[in-house]
Amino acid sequence: MATIAEEVIGQRPKARSLKGMTALVTGGTRGIGQAIVEELAGDGAAVHTCSRTQADLDRCLQQWHTKGYRVTGSVCDVLHPDQRLSLMESVSSLFDGKLNILKKAPEVTCEEFSTIMGTNFDATYHLCQLSYPLLKASTLGSIVNISSISGIVSLPYTSVYGASKGTLNCQSRMHAPLITFIIAAKAITCRIPLERIGEASEISSWVAFLCSPAASYTTGQVIAVDGGLTINGFN
């Protein structure tokens, strides 16, 4: 018997086309990444993906080729800069130096990125960890992090700086005192207006839409595909 999610997904119209477009999807052999590869390829895009293991990559490529999808892949652990460079060289060669679907900040070097993130986030996070025993022993301990409007709104030429401050904002919220408890699946779903956990294909369909000409007037948005959870939060 089909679930509600499967029935909704099955009724979804396929009005968009990505024919002639190229895409790079990292981590595309599992979970949401795999669903995104299949969604984009199913809509006509030529997709290149990567995986940390050759076995996972070969398994998925065989499945995709059987379905007639135009998907290529390479082994890459994106944690390592040299492997990221090799990945992009492969993509450039495969797609004749052109790529339609990828979000990046080409003006920032890896060293600059590491410096900005290290200063604005890593250092703060580590100092919070180191200070925790002292704060716990104190009766009036406080942590005050100085952020920036760049972590809230988009400003020119501040993509990485804004990301570092946005991460700092999230960290500050997460470090606020919380009641520790184990959240079971039912404890989460009861707070979701749609009363169910989302499917990977419900994420990938949004990705495909945002990459299509139909979304040409949509930019700079943070879209929560969460069944309405962020409306209620954990209240």
C-alpha atoms as a PDB file:
ATOM      1  CA  MET A   1       0.000   0.000   0.000  1.00  0.00           C
ATOM      2  CA  ALA A   2       1.441   3.372  -1.010  1.00  0.00           C
ATOM      3  CA  THR A   3       2.228   5.903   1.682  1.00  0.00           C
ATOM      4  CA  ILE A   4       0.879   9.460   1.588  1.00  0.00           C
ATOM      5  CA  ALA A   5       4.311  10.679   0.496  1.00  0.00           C
ATOM      6  CA  GLU A   6       4.460   8.183  -2.391  1.00  0.00           C
ATOM      7  CA  GLU A   7       0.967   9.160  -3.563  1.00  0.00           C
ATOM      8  CA  VAL A   8       1.823  12.877  -3.529  1.00  0.00           C
ATOM      9  CA  ILE A   9       5.143  12.333  -5.308  1.00  0.00           C
ATOM     10  CA  GLY A  10       3.495  10.116  -7.923  1.00  0.00           C
ATOM     11  CA  GLN A  11       0.996  12.863  -8.783  1.00  0.00           C
ATOM     12  CA  ARG A  12       3.680  15.531  -9.189  1.00  0.00           C
ATOM     13  CA  PRO A  13       3.786  16.931 -12.760  1.00  0.00           C
ATOM     14  CA  LYS A  14       7.063  16.876 -14.721  1.00  0.00           C
ATOM     15  CA  ALA A  15       6.704  20.275 -16.391  1.00  0.00           C
ATOM     16  CA  ARG A  16      10.354  21.321 -16.309  1.00  0.00           C
ATOM     17  CA  SER A  17      13.263  20.343 -18.550  1.00  0.00           C
ATOM     18  CA  LEU A  18      17.009  20.460 -17.954  1.00  0.00           C
ATOM     19  CA  LYS A  19      17.886  19.156 -21.412  1.00  0.00           C
ATOM     20  CA  GLY A  20      21.234  20.493 -22.573  1.00  0.00           C
ATOM     21  CA  MET A  21      22.338  21.475 -19.065  1.00  0.00           C
ATOM     22  CA  THR A  22      25.242  20.031 -17.078  1.00  0.00           C
ATOM     23  CA  ALA A  23      25.451  19.426 -13.344  1.00  0.00           C
ATOM     24  CA  LEU A  24      27.917  18.402 -10.661  1.00  0.00           C
ATOM     25  CA  VAL A  25      26.481  16.664  -7.602  1.00  0.00           C
ATOM     26  CA  THR A  26      28.905  15.774  -4.822  1.00  0.00           C
ATOM     27  CA  GLY A  27      28.126  12.754  -2.651  1.00  0.00           C
ATOM     28  CA  GLY A  28      25.681  11.459  -5.223  1.00  0.00           C
ATOM     29  CA  THR A  29      25.698   7.737  -4.477  1.00  0.00           C
ATOM     30  CA  ARG A  30      23.623   7.753  -1.295  1.00  0.00           C
ATOM     31  CA  GLY A  31      20.549   9.342   0.253  1.00  0.00           C
ATOM     32  CA  ILE A  32      19.525  12.814  -0.859  1.00  0.00           C
ATOM     33  CA  GLY A  33      22.572  13.157  -3.113  1.00  0.00           C
ATOM     34  CA  GLN A  34      21.569  10.067  -5.075  1.00  0.00           C
ATOM     35  CA  ALA A  35      17.995  11.309  -5.346  1.00  0.00           C
ATOM     36  CA  ILE A  36      19.260  14.644  -6.719  1.00  0.00           C
ATOM     37  CA  VAL A  37      21.389  12.902  -9.363  1.00  0.00           C
ATOM     38  CA  GLU A  38      18.396  10.879 -10.522  1.00  0.00           C
ATOM     39  CA  GLU A  39      16.068  13.895 -10.484  1.00  0.00           C
ATOM     40  CA  LEU A  40      18.412  16.058 -12.562  1.00  0.00           C
ATOM     41  CA  ALA A  41      19.309  13.243 -14.965  1.00  0.00           C
ATOM     42  CA  GLY A  42      15.653  12.293 -15.276  1.00  0.00           C
ATOM     43  CA  ASP A  43      14.900  15.872 -16.315  1.00  0.00           C
ATOM     44  CA  GLY A  44      17.501  15.675 -19.081  1.00  0.00           C
ATOM     45  CA  ALA A  45      20.692  17.059 -17.528  1.00  0.00           C
ATOM     46  CA  ALA A  46      24.115  15.494 -18.024  1.00  0.00           C
ATOM     47  CA  VAL A  47      25.356  14.842 -14.489  1.00  0.00           C
ATOM     48  CA  HIS A  48      28.771  14.138 -13.004  1.00  0.00           C
ATOM     49  CA  THR A  49      28.950  12.930  -9.428  1.00  0.00           C
ATOM     50  CA  CYS A  50      31.541  11.645  -7.004  1.00  0.00           C
ATOM     51  CA  SER A  51      31.862   9.166  -4.166  1.00  0.00           C
ATOM     52  CA  ARG A  52      34.544   8.324  -1.653  1.00  0.00           C
ATOM     53  CA  THR A  53      34.487   4.668  -2.709  1.00  0.00           C
ATOM     54  CA  GLN A  54      34.796   3.069  -6.146  1.00  0.00           C
ATOM     55  CA  ALA A  55      32.368   0.291  -5.194  1.00  0.00           C
ATOM     56  CA  ASP A  56      29.511   2.696  -4.424  1.00  0.00           C
ATOM     57  CA  LEU A  57      30.237   4.665  -7.568  1.00  0.00           C
ATOM     58  CA  ASP A  58      30.276   1.589  -9.816  1.00  0.00           C
ATOM     59  CA  ARG A  59      27.037   0.284  -8.287  1.00  0.00           C
ATOM     60  CA  CYS A  60      25.164   3.525  -8.914  1.00  0.00           C
ATOM     61  CA  LEU A  61      26.618   4.143 -12.370  1.00  0.00           C
ATOM     62  CA  GLN A  62      25.445   0.708 -13.477  1.00  0.00           C
ATOM     63  CA  GLN A  63      21.919   1.442 -12.215  1.00  0.00           C
ATOM     64  CA  TRP A  64      21.832   4.861 -13.865  1.00  0.00           C
ATOM     65  CA  HIS A  65      23.125   3.627 -17.207  1.00  0.00           C
ATOM     66  CA  THR A  66      20.474   0.902 -17.162  1.00  0.00           C
ATOM     67  CA  LYS A  67      17.847   3.635 -16.786  1.00  0.00           C
ATOM     68  CA  GLY A  68      19.374   5.568 -19.663  1.00  0.00           C
ATOM     69  CA  TYR A  69      20.616   8.465 -17.544  1.00  0.00           C
ATOM     70  CA  ARG A  70      23.619  10.477 -18.737  1.00  0.00           C
ATOM     71  CA  VAL A  71      25.698  10.232 -15.571  1.00  0.00           C
ATOM     72  CA  THR A  72      29.460   9.983 -15.128  1.00  0.00           C
ATOM     73  CA  GLY A  73      31.417   9.760 -11.912  1.00  0.00           C
ATOM     74  CA  SER A  74      34.781   9.816 -10.218  1.00  0.00           C
ATOM     75  CA  VAL A  75      36.195   8.878  -6.829  1.00  0.00           C
ATOM     76  CA  CYS A  76      36.721  11.946  -4.658  1.00  0.00           C
ATOM     77  CA  ASP A  77      36.778  12.743  -0.949  1.00  0.00           C
ATOM     78  CA  VAL A  78      35.824  16.432  -0.968  1.00  0.00           C
ATOM     79  CA  LEU A  79      37.509  16.876   2.408  1.00  0.00           C
ATOM     80  CA  HIS A  80      40.861  17.030   0.596  1.00  0.00           C
ATOM     81  CA  PRO A  81      41.659  20.121  -1.549  1.00  0.00           C
ATOM     82  CA  ASP A  82      43.814  18.196  -4.032  1.00  0.00           C
ATOM     83  CA  GLN A  83      40.981  15.761  -4.722  1.00  0.00           C
ATOM     84  CA  ARG A  84      38.538  18.642  -5.166  1.00  0.00           C
ATOM     85  CA  LEU A  85      40.901  20.133  -7.737  1.00  0.00           C
ATOM     86  CA  SER A  86      41.116  16.821  -9.608  1.00  0.00           C
ATOM     87  CA  LEU A  87      37.331  16.535  -9.534  1.00  0.00           C
ATOM     88  CA  MET A  88      36.859  19.955 -11.112  1.00  0.00           C
ATOM     89  CA  GLU A  89      39.483  19.192 -13.751  1.00  0.00           C
ATOM     90  CA  SER A  90      37.507  16.062 -14.667  1.00  0.00           C
ATOM     91  CA  VAL A  91      34.264  18.034 -14.814  1.00  0.00           C
ATOM     92  CA  SER A  92      35.851  20.726 -16.984  1.00  0.00           C
ATOM     93  CA  SER A  93      37.123  18.098 -19.404  1.00  0.00           C
ATOM     94  CA  LEU A  94      33.816  16.221 -19.578  1.00  0.00           C
ATOM     95  CA  PHE A  95      31.635  19.306 -20.002  1.00  0.00           C
ATOM     96  CA  ASP A  96      33.941  21.292 -22.316  1.00  0.00           C
ATOM     97  CA  GLY A  97      34.800  23.818 -19.638  1.00  0.00           C
ATOM     98  CA  LYS A  98      31.161  24.677 -18.909  1.00  0.00           C
ATOM     99  CA  LEU A  99      28.901  23.881 -15.960  1.00  0.00           C
ATOM    100  CA  ASN A 100      25.299  25.002 -15.481  1.00  0.00           C
ATOM    101  CA  ILE A 101      24.521  23.763 -12.001  1.00  0.00           C
ATOM    102  CA  LEU A 102      26.976  24.437  -9.193  1.00  0.00           C
ATOM    103  CA  LYS A 103      27.188  26.972  -6.383  1.00  0.00           C
ATOM    104  CA  LYS A 104      30.684  28.187  -5.603  1.00  0.00           C
ATOM    105  CA  ALA A 105      32.795  31.228  -4.691  1.00  0.00           C
ATOM    106  CA  PRO A 106      35.601  31.187  -7.298  1.00  0.00           C
ATOM    107  CA  GLU A 107      37.192  34.421  -6.083  1.00  0.00           C
ATOM    108  CA  VAL A 108      38.226  32.923  -2.715  1.00  0.00           C
ATOM    109  CA  THR A 109      41.246  30.626  -2.451  1.00  0.00           C
ATOM    110  CA  CYS A 110      41.278  27.561  -0.188  1.00  0.00           C
ATOM    111  CA  GLU A 111      43.801  29.299   2.071  1.00  0.00           C
ATOM    112  CA  GLU A 112      41.620  32.408   2.392  1.00  0.00           C
ATOM    113  CA  PHE A 113      38.572  30.270   3.095  1.00  0.00           C
ATOM    114  CA  SER A 114      40.417  28.352   5.825  1.00  0.00           C
ATOM    115  CA  THR A 115      41.649  31.593   7.381  1.00  0.00           C
ATOM    116  CA  ILE A 116      38.203  33.204   7.464  1.00  0.00           C
ATOM    117  CA  MET A 117      36.418  30.109   8.773  1.00  0.00           C
ATOM    118  CA  GLY A 118      39.235  29.357  11.198  1.00  0.00           C
ATOM    119  CA  THR A 119      39.159  32.850  12.677  1.00  0.00           C
ATOM    120  CA  ASN A 120      35.414  33.443  12.784  1.00  0.00           C
ATOM    121  CA  PHE A 121      34.125  29.953  13.572  1.00  0.00           C
ATOM    122  CA  ASP A 122      36.731  27.307  14.414  1.00  0.00           C
ATOM    123  CA  ALA A 123      38.517  29.468  16.981  1.00  0.00           C
ATOM    124  CA  THR A 124      35.270  30.541  18.640  1.00  0.00           C
ATOM    125  CA  TYR A 125      33.959  26.981  18.775  1.00  0.00           C
ATOM    126  CA  HIS A 126      37.191  25.694  20.293  1.00  0.00           C
ATOM    127  CA  LEU A 127      37.329  28.490  22.868  1.00  0.00           C
ATOM    128  CA  CYS A 128      33.752  27.713  23.880  1.00  0.00           C
ATOM    129  CA  GLN A 129      34.750  24.080  24.393  1.00  0.00           C
ATOM    130  CA  LEU A 130      37.796  25.033  26.452  1.00  0.00           C
ATOM    131  CA  SER A 131      35.860  27.504  28.587  1.00  0.00           C
ATOM    132  CA  TYR A 132      32.950  25.160  29.335  1.00  0.00           C
ATOM    133  CA  PRO A 133      34.435  23.636  32.547  1.00  0.00           C
ATOM    134  CA  LEU A 134      35.090  27.129  33.909  1.00  0.00           C
ATOM    135  CA  LEU A 135      31.650  28.379  32.952  1.00  0.00           C
ATOM    136  CA  LYS A 136      30.021  25.312  34.481  1.00  0.00           C
ATOM    137  CA  ALA A 137      31.843  25.937  37.762  1.00  0.00           C
ATOM    138  CA  SER A 138      30.678  29.540  37.770  1.00  0.00           C
ATOM    139  CA  THR A 139      27.261  30.613  38.975  1.00  0.00           C
ATOM    140  CA  LEU A 140      26.972  33.424  36.399  1.00  0.00           C
ATOM    141  CA  GLY A 141      28.892  32.259  33.341  1.00  0.00           C
ATOM    142  CA  SER A 142      28.187  33.867  29.968  1.00  0.00           C
ATOM    143  CA  ILE A 143      29.410  33.589  26.392  1.00  0.00           C
ATOM    144  CA  VAL A 144      28.963  36.570  24.076  1.00  0.00           C
ATOM    145  CA  ASN A 145      29.807  36.031  20.400  1.00  0.00           C
ATOM    146  CA  ILE A 146      30.131  39.073  18.139  1.00  0.00           C
ATOM    147  CA  SER A 147      28.652  38.311  14.729  1.00  0.00           C
ATOM    148  CA  SER A 148      27.686  40.449  11.739  1.00  0.00           C
ATOM    149  CA  ILE A 149      24.689  41.340   9.621  1.00  0.00           C
ATOM    150  CA  SER A 150      26.527  39.386   6.904  1.00  0.00           C
ATOM    151  CA  GLY A 151      25.388  36.255   8.715  1.00  0.00           C
ATOM    152  CA  ILE A 152      21.747  37.313   8.349  1.00  0.00           C
ATOM    153  CA  VAL A 153      21.441  39.148   5.029  1.00  0.00           C
ATOM    154  CA  SER A 154      23.338  38.913   1.747  1.00  0.00           C
ATOM    155  CA  LEU A 155      26.002  41.584   1.201  1.00  0.00           C
ATOM    156  CA  PRO A 156      28.298  42.059  -1.826  1.00  0.00           C
ATOM    157  CA  TYR A 157      31.694  40.329  -1.771  1.00  0.00           C
ATOM    158  CA  THR A 158      31.116  38.669   1.613  1.00  0.00           C
ATOM    159  CA  SER A 159      30.047  35.132   0.673  1.00  0.00           C
ATOM    160  CA  VAL A 160      32.593  33.271   2.813  1.00  0.00           C
ATOM    161  CA  TYR A 161      32.659  35.896   5.573  1.00  0.00           C
ATOM    162  CA  GLY A 162      28.861  35.793   5.733  1.00  0.00           C
ATOM    163  CA  ALA A 163      28.928  32.000   5.834  1.00  0.00           C
ATOM    164  CA  SER A 164      31.360  32.076   8.750  1.00  0.00           C
ATOM    165  CA  LYS A 165      29.144  34.507  10.660  1.00  0.00           C
ATOM    166  CA  GLY A 166      25.999  32.552   9.823  1.00  0.00           C
ATOM    167  CA  THR A 167      27.683  29.434  11.198  1.00  0.00           C
ATOM    168  CA  LEU A 168      28.644  31.400  14.301  1.00  0.00           C
ATOM    169  CA  ASN A 169      25.021  32.490  14.741  1.00  0.00           C
ATOM    170  CA  CYS A 170      23.875  28.867  14.559  1.00  0.00           C
ATOM    171  CA  GLN A 171      26.555  27.796  17.027  1.00  0.00           C
ATOM    172  CA  SER A 172      25.477  30.498  19.470  1.00  0.00           C
ATOM    173  CA  ARG A 173      21.892  29.249  19.387  1.00  0.00           C
ATOM    174  CA  MET A 174      22.940  25.625  19.770  1.00  0.00           C
ATOM    175  CA  HIS A 175      25.135  26.436  22.774  1.00  0.00           C
ATOM    176  CA  ALA A 176      22.224  27.908  24.698  1.00  0.00           C
ATOM    177  CA  PRO A 177      21.244  25.718  27.701  1.00  0.00           C
ATOM    178  CA  LEU A 178      18.945  22.913  26.642  1.00  0.00           C
ATOM    179  CA  ILE A 179      17.102  20.167  28.464  1.00  0.00           C
ATOM    180  CA  THR A 180      18.807  16.924  27.449  1.00  0.00           C
ATOM    181  CA  PHE A 181      16.457  14.219  26.246  1.00  0.00           C
ATOM    182  CA  ILE A 182      16.211  11.579  23.549  1.00  0.00           C
ATOM    183  CA  ILE A 183      13.868  12.511  20.731  1.00  0.00           C
ATOM    184  CA  ALA A 184      12.046   9.537  19.237  1.00  0.00           C
ATOM    185  CA  ALA A 185      10.671   9.657  15.706  1.00  0.00           C
ATOM    186  CA  LYS A 186       7.139  10.224  16.983  1.00  0.00           C
ATOM    187  CA  ALA A 187       8.320  13.139  19.107  1.00  0.00           C
ATOM    188  CA  ILE A 188       9.541  14.819  15.920  1.00  0.00           C
ATOM    189  CA  THR A 189       6.683  13.968  13.585  1.00  0.00           C
ATOM    190  CA  CYS A 190       4.081  15.240  16.049  1.00  0.00           C
ATOM    191  CA  ARG A 191       5.629  18.696  15.612  1.00  0.00           C
ATOM    192  CA  ILE A 192       5.565  18.551  11.807  1.00  0.00           C
ATOM    193  CA  PRO A 193       2.312  19.977  10.411  1.00  0.00           C
ATOM    194  CA  LEU A 194       2.311  17.315   7.670  1.00  0.00           C
ATOM    195  CA  GLU A 195       2.812  14.653  10.391  1.00  0.00           C
ATOM    196  CA  ARG A 196       5.461  12.616   8.571  1.00  0.00           C
ATOM    197  CA  ILE A 197       9.179  12.513   7.777  1.00  0.00           C
ATOM    198  CA  GLY A 198      10.092  13.786   4.321  1.00  0.00           C
ATOM    199  CA  GLU A 199      11.355  11.639   1.457  1.00  0.00           C
ATOM    200  CA  ALA A 200      14.666  12.214  -0.339  1.00  0.00           C
ATOM    201  CA  SER A 201      12.795  12.761  -3.603  1.00  0.00           C
ATOM    202  CA  GLU A 202      10.881  15.629  -2.011  1.00  0.00           C
ATOM    203  CA  ILE A 203      14.220  17.385  -1.524  1.00  0.00           C
ATOM    204  CA  SER A 204      15.639  16.484  -4.925  1.00  0.00           C
ATOM    205  CA  SER A 205      12.544  17.793  -6.727  1.00  0.00           C
ATOM    206  CA  TRP A 206      13.163  21.223  -5.214  1.00  0.00           C
ATOM    207  CA  VAL A 207      16.788  21.101  -6.309  1.00  0.00           C
ATOM    208  CA  ALA A 208      15.752  20.265  -9.858  1.00  0.00           C
ATOM    209  CA  PHE A 209      13.166  23.053  -9.872  1.00  0.00           C
ATOM    210  CA  LEU A 210      15.656  25.643  -8.605  1.00  0.00           C
ATOM    211  CA  CYS A 211      18.091  24.580 -11.344  1.00  0.00           C
ATOM    212  CA  SER A 212      15.479  24.843 -14.090  1.00  0.00           C
ATOM    213  CA  PRO A 213      14.437  27.854 -16.201  1.00  0.00           C
ATOM    214  CA  ALA A 214      11.134  27.838 -14.293  1.00  0.00           C
ATOM    215  CA  ALA A 215      12.985  29.248 -11.269  1.00  0.00           C
ATOM    216  CA  SER A 216      14.859  31.947 -13.195  1.00  0.00           C
ATOM    217  CA  TYR A 217      13.405  34.701 -10.983  1.00  0.00           C
ATOM    218  CA  THR A 218      14.210  32.933  -7.709  1.00  0.00           C
ATOM    219  CA  THR A 219      17.517  33.902  -6.098  1.00  0.00           C
ATOM    220  CA  GLY A 220      19.066  34.409  -2.669  1.00  0.00           C
ATOM    221  CA  GLN A 221      16.455  32.330  -0.857  1.00  0.00           C
ATOM    222  CA  VAL A 222      16.760  29.887   2.041  1.00  0.00           C
ATOM    223  CA  ILE A 223      13.924  27.425   1.505  1.00  0.00           C
ATOM    224  CA  ALA A 224      12.938  25.039   4.295  1.00  0.00           C
ATOM    225  CA  VAL A 225      11.615  21.819   2.769  1.00  0.00           C
ATOM    226  CA  ASP A 226      10.607  20.414   6.145  1.00  0.00           C
ATOM    227  CA  GLY A 227       6.886  19.714   6.156  1.00  0.00           C
ATOM    228  CA  GLY A 228       6.365  22.933   8.100  1.00  0.00           C
ATOM    229  CA  LEU A 229       8.595  21.993  11.062  1.00  0.00           C
ATOM    230  CA  THR A 230      10.265  25.401  11.238  1.00  0.00           C
ATOM    231  CA  ILE A 231       6.850  26.990  11.700  1.00  0.00           C
ATOM    232  CA  ASN A 232       6.443  25.173  15.006  1.00  0.00           C
ATOM    233  CA  GLY A 233      10.095  24.565  15.925  1.00  0.00           C
ATOM    234  CA  PHE A 234      10.309  22.332  18.996  1.00  0.00           C
ATOM    235  CA  ASN A 235       7.739  24.252  21.032  1.00  0.00           C
END
